[in-house]
PDB file of all heavy atoms in Angstrom:
ATOM      1  N   PHE A   1     -48.753  53.447  -2.939  1.00  0.00           N
ATOM      2  CA  PHE A   1     -48.050  54.551  -2.301  1.00  0.00           C
ATOM      3  C   PHE A   1     -46.816  54.976  -3.088  1.00  0.00           C
ATOM      4  O   PHE A   1     -46.598  56.161  -3.339  1.00  0.00           O
ATOM      5  CB  PHE A   1     -47.652  54.163  -0.869  1.00  0.00           C
ATOM      6  CG  PHE A   1     -46.887  55.239  -0.158  1.00  0.00           C
ATOM      7  CD1 PHE A   1     -47.543  56.266   0.494  1.00  0.00           C
ATOM      8  CD2 PHE A   1     -45.501  55.225  -0.153  1.00  0.00           C
ATOM      9  CE1 PHE A   1     -46.839  57.279   1.139  1.00  0.00           C
ATOM     10  CE2 PHE A   1     -44.775  56.223   0.490  1.00  0.00           C
ATOM     11  CZ  PHE A   1     -45.452  57.259   1.137  1.00  0.00           C
ATOM     12  N   LYS A   2     -45.974  54.023  -3.457  1.00  0.00           N
ATOM     13  CA  LYS A   2     -44.735  54.376  -4.162  1.00  0.00           C
ATOM     14  C   LYS A   2     -45.025  55.075  -5.484  1.00  0.00           C
ATOM     15  O   LYS A   2     -44.373  56.062  -5.832  1.00  0.00           O
ATOM     16  CB  LYS A   2     -43.890  53.124  -4.411  1.00  0.00           C
ATOM     17  CG  LYS A   2     -42.808  52.898  -3.379  1.00  0.00           C
ATOM     18  CD  LYS A   2     -41.785  51.881  -3.865  1.00  0.00           C
ATOM     19  CE  LYS A   2     -40.623  51.787  -2.867  1.00  0.00           C
ATOM     20  NZ  LYS A   2     -39.572  50.841  -3.327  1.00  0.00           N
ATOM     21  N   ALA A   3     -45.985  54.567  -6.241  1.00  0.00           N
ATOM     22  CA  ALA A   3     -46.314  55.183  -7.526  1.00  0.00           C
ATOM     23  C   ALA A   3     -46.820  56.609  -7.328  1.00  0.00           C
ATOM     24  O   ALA A   3     -46.513  57.508  -8.122  1.00  0.00           O
ATOM     25  CB  ALA A   3     -47.351  54.346  -8.263  1.00  0.00           C
ATOM     26  N   THR A   4     -47.604  56.833  -6.268  1.00  0.00           N
ATOM     27  CA  THR A   4     -48.115  58.175  -5.978  1.00  0.00           C
ATOM     28  C   THR A   4     -46.962  59.134  -5.756  1.00  0.00           C
ATOM     29  O   THR A   4     -46.895  60.222  -6.358  1.00  0.00           O
ATOM     30  CB  THR A   4     -49.016  58.148  -4.728  1.00  0.00           C
ATOM     31  OG1 THR A   4     -50.128  57.294  -4.964  1.00  0.00           O
ATOM     32  CG2 THR A   4     -49.511  59.547  -4.387  1.00  0.00           C
ATOM     33  N   VAL A   5     -46.035  58.760  -4.880  1.00  0.00           N
ATOM     34  CA  VAL A   5     -44.916  59.648  -4.532  1.00  0.00           C
ATOM     35  C   VAL A   5     -43.974  59.833  -5.716  1.00  0.00           C
ATOM     36  O   VAL A   5     -43.559  60.954  -6.033  1.00  0.00           O
ATOM     37  CB  VAL A   5     -44.173  59.088  -3.306  1.00  0.00           C
ATOM     38  CG1 VAL A   5     -42.863  59.846  -3.074  1.00  0.00           C
ATOM     39  CG2 VAL A   5     -45.052  59.172  -2.069  1.00  0.00           C
ATOM     40  N   GLU A   6     -43.632  58.752  -6.382  1.00  0.00           N
ATOM     41  CA  GLU A   6     -42.697  58.864  -7.503  1.00  0.00           C
ATOM     42  C   GLU A   6     -43.279  59.705  -8.636  1.00  0.00           C
ATOM     43  O   GLU A   6     -42.572  60.534  -9.229  1.00  0.00           O
ATOM     44  CB  GLU A   6     -42.324  57.468  -8.014  1.00  0.00           C
ATOM     45  CG  GLU A   6     -41.427  56.710  -7.056  1.00  0.00           C
ATOM     46  CD  GLU A   6     -41.064  55.316  -7.552  1.00  0.00           C
ATOM     47  OE1 GLU A   6     -41.723  54.825  -8.494  1.00  0.00           O
ATOM     48  OE2 GLU A   6     -40.123  54.735  -6.996  1.00  0.00           O
ATOM     49  N   SER A   7     -44.551  59.541  -8.915  1.00  0.00           N
ATOM     50  CA  SER A   7     -45.153  60.279 -10.026  1.00  0.00           C
ATOM     51  C   SER A   7     -45.150  61.779  -9.771  1.00  0.00           C
ATOM     52  O   SER A   7     -44.938  62.573 -10.696  1.00  0.00           O
ATOM     53  CB  SER A   7     -46.581  59.787 -10.282  1.00  0.00           C
ATOM     54  OG  SER A   7     -47.442  60.121  -9.204  1.00  0.00           O
ATOM     55  N   VAL A   8     -45.372  62.179  -8.533  1.00  0.00           N
ATOM     56  CA  VAL A   8     -45.394  63.609  -8.236  1.00  0.00           C
ATOM     57  C   VAL A   8     -43.975  64.174  -8.233  1.00  0.00           C
ATOM     58  O   VAL A   8     -43.757  65.333  -8.621  1.00  0.00           O
ATOM     59  CB  VAL A   8     -46.147  63.879  -6.917  1.00  0.00           C
ATOM     60  CG1 VAL A   8     -45.296  63.633  -5.702  1.00  0.00           C
ATOM     61  CG2 VAL A   8     -46.702  65.281  -6.873  1.00  0.00           C
ATOM     62  N   ILE A   9     -42.993  63.391  -7.834  1.00  0.00           N
ATOM     63  CA  ILE A   9     -41.595  63.851  -7.875  1.00  0.00           C
ATOM     64  C   ILE A   9     -41.156  64.078  -9.316  1.00  0.00           C
ATOM     65  O   ILE A   9     -40.464  65.057  -9.623  1.00  0.00           O
ATOM     66  CB  ILE A   9     -40.675  62.839  -7.171  1.00  0.00           C
ATOM     67  CG1 ILE A   9     -40.932  62.863  -5.654  1.00  0.00           C
ATOM     68  CG2 ILE A   9     -39.211  63.129  -7.476  1.00  0.00           C
ATOM     69  CD1 ILE A   9     -40.216  61.776  -4.875  1.00  0.00           C
ATOM     70  N   PHE A  10     -41.576  63.201 -10.217  1.00  0.00           N
ATOM     71  CA  PHE A  10     -41.152  63.318 -11.616  1.00  0.00           C
ATOM     72  C   PHE A  10     -41.874  64.435 -12.375  1.00  0.00           C
ATOM     73  O   PHE A  10     -41.642  64.602 -13.571  1.00  0.00           O
ATOM     74  CB  PHE A  10     -41.312  61.977 -12.335  1.00  0.00           C
ATOM     75  CG  PHE A  10     -40.171  61.033 -12.089  1.00  0.00           C
ATOM     76  CD1 PHE A  10     -40.306  59.964 -11.213  1.00  0.00           C
ATOM     77  CD2 PHE A  10     -38.945  61.217 -12.699  1.00  0.00           C
ATOM     78  CE1 PHE A  10     -39.260  59.095 -10.959  1.00  0.00           C
ATOM     79  CE2 PHE A  10     -37.883  60.366 -12.465  1.00  0.00           C
ATOM     80  CZ  PHE A  10     -38.037  59.301 -11.589  1.00  0.00           C
ATOM     81  N   THR A  11     -42.730  65.212 -11.682  1.00  0.00           N
ATOM     82  CA  THR A  11     -43.282  66.409 -12.322  1.00  0.00           C
ATOM     83  C   THR A  11     -42.334  67.591 -12.190  1.00  0.00           C
ATOM     84  O   THR A  11     -42.526  68.619 -12.833  1.00  0.00           O
ATOM     85  CB  THR A  11     -44.641  66.808 -11.711  1.00  0.00           C
ATOM     86  OG1 THR A  11     -44.476  67.118 -10.327  1.00  0.00           O
ATOM     87  CG2 THR A  11     -45.659  65.692 -11.870  1.00  0.00           C
ATOM     88  N   GLY A  12     -41.303  67.488 -11.323  1.00  0.00           N
ATOM     89  CA  GLY A  12     -40.316  68.546 -11.165  1.00  0.00           C
ATOM     90  C   GLY A  12     -40.788  69.669 -10.270  1.00  0.00           C
ATOM     91  O   GLY A  12     -41.945  69.752  -9.875  1.00  0.00           O
ATOM     92  N   GLY A  13     -39.846  70.564  -9.935  1.00  0.00           N
ATOM     93  CA  GLY A  13     -40.186  71.746  -9.141  1.00  0.00           C
ATOM     94  C   GLY A  13     -40.045  71.524  -7.654  1.00  0.00           C
ATOM     95  O   GLY A  13     -39.025  71.032  -7.162  1.00  0.00           O
ATOM     96  N   ASP A  14     -41.088  71.862  -6.903  1.00  0.00           N
ATOM     97  CA  ASP A  14     -41.069  71.772  -5.438  1.00  0.00           C
ATOM     98  C   ASP A  14     -41.369  70.333  -5.017  1.00  0.00           C
ATOM     99  O   ASP A  14     -42.371  70.035  -4.369  1.00  0.00           O
ATOM    100  CB  ASP A  14     -42.101  72.740  -4.848  1.00  0.00           C
ATOM    101  CG  ASP A  14     -41.886  73.001  -3.373  1.00  0.00           C
ATOM    102  OD1 ASP A  14     -40.935  72.417  -2.799  1.00  0.00           O
ATOM    103  OD2 ASP A  14     -42.653  73.776  -2.780  1.00  0.00           O
ATOM    104  N   THR A  15     -40.446  69.452  -5.364  1.00  0.00           N
ATOM    105  CA  THR A  15     -40.705  68.017  -5.275  1.00  0.00           C
ATOM    106  C   THR A  15     -40.905  67.523  -3.848  1.00  0.00           C
ATOM    107  O   THR A  15     -41.722  66.626  -3.614  1.00  0.00           O
ATOM    108  CB  THR A  15     -39.557  67.227  -5.914  1.00  0.00           C
ATOM    109  OG1 THR A  15     -38.312  67.666  -5.342  1.00  0.00           O
ATOM    110  CG2 THR A  15     -39.511  67.455  -7.415  1.00  0.00           C
ATOM    111  N   ASP A  16     -40.154  68.080  -2.884  1.00  0.00           N
ATOM    112  CA  ASP A  16     -40.281  67.551  -1.525  1.00  0.00           C
ATOM    113  C   ASP A  16     -41.634  67.886  -0.909  1.00  0.00           C
ATOM    114  O   ASP A  16     -42.273  67.040  -0.275  1.00  0.00           O
ATOM    115  CB  ASP A  16     -39.131  68.025  -0.637  1.00  0.00           C
ATOM    116  CG  ASP A  16     -39.060  69.538  -0.491  1.00  0.00           C
ATOM    117  OD1 ASP A  16     -39.484  70.250  -1.424  1.00  0.00           O
ATOM    118  OD2 ASP A  16     -38.574  70.026   0.547  1.00  0.00           O
ATOM    119  N   THR A  17     -42.103  69.127  -1.112  1.00  0.00           N
ATOM    120  CA  THR A  17     -43.397  69.500  -0.543  1.00  0.00           C
ATOM    121  C   THR A  17     -44.540  68.772  -1.234  1.00  0.00           C
ATOM    122  O   THR A  17     -45.469  68.281  -0.583  1.00  0.00           O
ATOM    123  CB  THR A  17     -43.606  71.024  -0.629  1.00  0.00           C
ATOM    124  OG1 THR A  17     -42.584  71.663   0.125  1.00  0.00           O
ATOM    125  CG2 THR A  17     -44.969  71.424  -0.074  1.00  0.00           C
ATOM    126  N   HIS A  18     -44.494  68.689  -2.553  1.00  0.00           N
ATOM    127  CA  HIS A  18     -45.567  68.002  -3.273  1.00  0.00           C
ATOM    128  C   HIS A  18     -45.601  66.509  -2.909  1.00  0.00           C
ATOM    129  O   HIS A  18     -46.678  65.927  -2.738  1.00  0.00           O
ATOM    130  CB  HIS A  18     -45.385  68.180  -4.779  1.00  0.00           C
ATOM    131  CG  HIS A  18     -45.448  69.604  -5.205  1.00  0.00           C
ATOM    132  ND1 HIS A  18     -44.794  70.085  -6.320  1.00  0.00           N
ATOM    133  CD2 HIS A  18     -46.059  70.685  -4.651  1.00  0.00           C
ATOM    134  CE1 HIS A  18     -45.021  71.380  -6.439  1.00  0.00           C
ATOM    135  NE2 HIS A  18     -45.780  71.761  -5.432  1.00  0.00           N
ATOM    136  N   ALA A  19     -44.419  65.904  -2.768  1.00  0.00           N
ATOM    137  CA  ALA A  19     -44.371  64.494  -2.386  1.00  0.00           C
ATOM    138  C   ALA A  19     -44.794  64.319  -0.937  1.00  0.00           C
ATOM    139  O   ALA A  19     -45.375  63.284  -0.574  1.00  0.00           O
ATOM    140  CB  ALA A  19     -42.965  63.941  -2.604  1.00  0.00           C
ATOM    141  N   PHE A  20     -44.513  65.317  -0.084  1.00  0.00           N
ATOM    142  CA  PHE A  20     -44.969  65.248   1.300  1.00  0.00           C
ATOM    143  C   PHE A  20     -46.495  65.260   1.368  1.00  0.00           C
ATOM    144  O   PHE A  20     -47.100  64.447   2.069  1.00  0.00           O
ATOM    145  CB  PHE A  20     -44.414  66.423   2.112  1.00  0.00           C
ATOM    146  CG  PHE A  20     -44.991  66.500   3.502  1.00  0.00           C
ATOM    147  CD1 PHE A  20     -44.456  65.736   4.521  1.00  0.00           C
ATOM    148  CD2 PHE A  20     -46.103  67.288   3.777  1.00  0.00           C
ATOM    149  CE1 PHE A  20     -44.998  65.769   5.800  1.00  0.00           C
ATOM    150  CE2 PHE A  20     -46.662  67.328   5.046  1.00  0.00           C
ATOM    151  CZ  PHE A  20     -46.107  66.566   6.062  1.00  0.00           C
ATOM    152  N   ILE A  21     -47.131  66.175   0.635  1.00  0.00           N
ATOM    153  CA  ILE A  21     -48.590  66.284   0.671  1.00  0.00           C
ATOM    154  C   ILE A  21     -49.232  65.007   0.113  1.00  0.00           C
ATOM    155  O   ILE A  21     -50.117  64.409   0.737  1.00  0.00           O
ATOM    156  CB  ILE A  21     -49.062  67.515  -0.121  1.00  0.00           C
ATOM    157  CG1 ILE A  21     -48.462  68.802   0.455  1.00  0.00           C
ATOM    158  CG2 ILE A  21     -50.583  67.601  -0.118  1.00  0.00           C
ATOM    159  CD1 ILE A  21     -48.609  70.007  -0.469  1.00  0.00           C
ATOM    160  N   ALA A  22     -48.776  64.607  -1.076  1.00  0.00           N
ATOM    161  CA  ALA A  22     -49.342  63.402  -1.693  1.00  0.00           C
ATOM    162  C   ALA A  22     -49.061  62.165  -0.840  1.00  0.00           C
ATOM    163  O   ALA A  22     -49.924  61.302  -0.668  1.00  0.00           O
ATOM    164  CB  ALA A  22     -48.769  63.219  -3.092  1.00  0.00           C
ATOM    165  N   GLY A  23     -47.830  62.087  -0.287  1.00  0.00           N
ATOM    166  CA  GLY A  23     -47.468  60.939   0.544  1.00  0.00           C
ATOM    167  C   GLY A  23     -48.267  60.875   1.829  1.00  0.00           C
ATOM    168  O   GLY A  23     -48.593  59.784   2.311  1.00  0.00           O
ATOM    169  N   SER A  24     -48.599  62.045   2.391  1.00  0.00           N
ATOM    170  CA  SER A  24     -49.405  62.072   3.617  1.00  0.00           C
ATOM    171  C   SER A  24     -50.773  61.444   3.379  1.00  0.00           C
ATOM    172  O   SER A  24     -51.251  60.619   4.169  1.00  0.00           O
ATOM    173  CB  SER A  24     -49.581  63.518   4.097  1.00  0.00           C
ATOM    174  OG  SER A  24     -48.356  64.089   4.485  1.00  0.00           O
ATOM    175  N   ILE A  25     -51.415  61.842   2.277  1.00  0.00           N
ATOM    176  CA  ILE A  25     -52.763  61.350   1.989  1.00  0.00           C
ATOM    177  C   ILE A  25     -52.721  59.886   1.561  1.00  0.00           C
ATOM    178  O   ILE A  25     -53.512  59.054   2.033  1.00  0.00           O
ATOM    179  CB  ILE A  25     -53.437  62.220   0.911  1.00  0.00           C
ATOM    180  CG1 ILE A  25     -53.468  63.688   1.360  1.00  0.00           C
ATOM    181  CG2 ILE A  25     -54.856  61.726   0.640  1.00  0.00           C
ATOM    182  CD1 ILE A  25     -53.918  64.649   0.277  1.00  0.00           C
TER     183      ILE A  25
END
């Protein structure tokens, strides 16, 4: 889980929404 969320945050941009979607799944 942590790697999923952290990796998407480090892509930059709309980090909260992308981390929300990835974190949900």
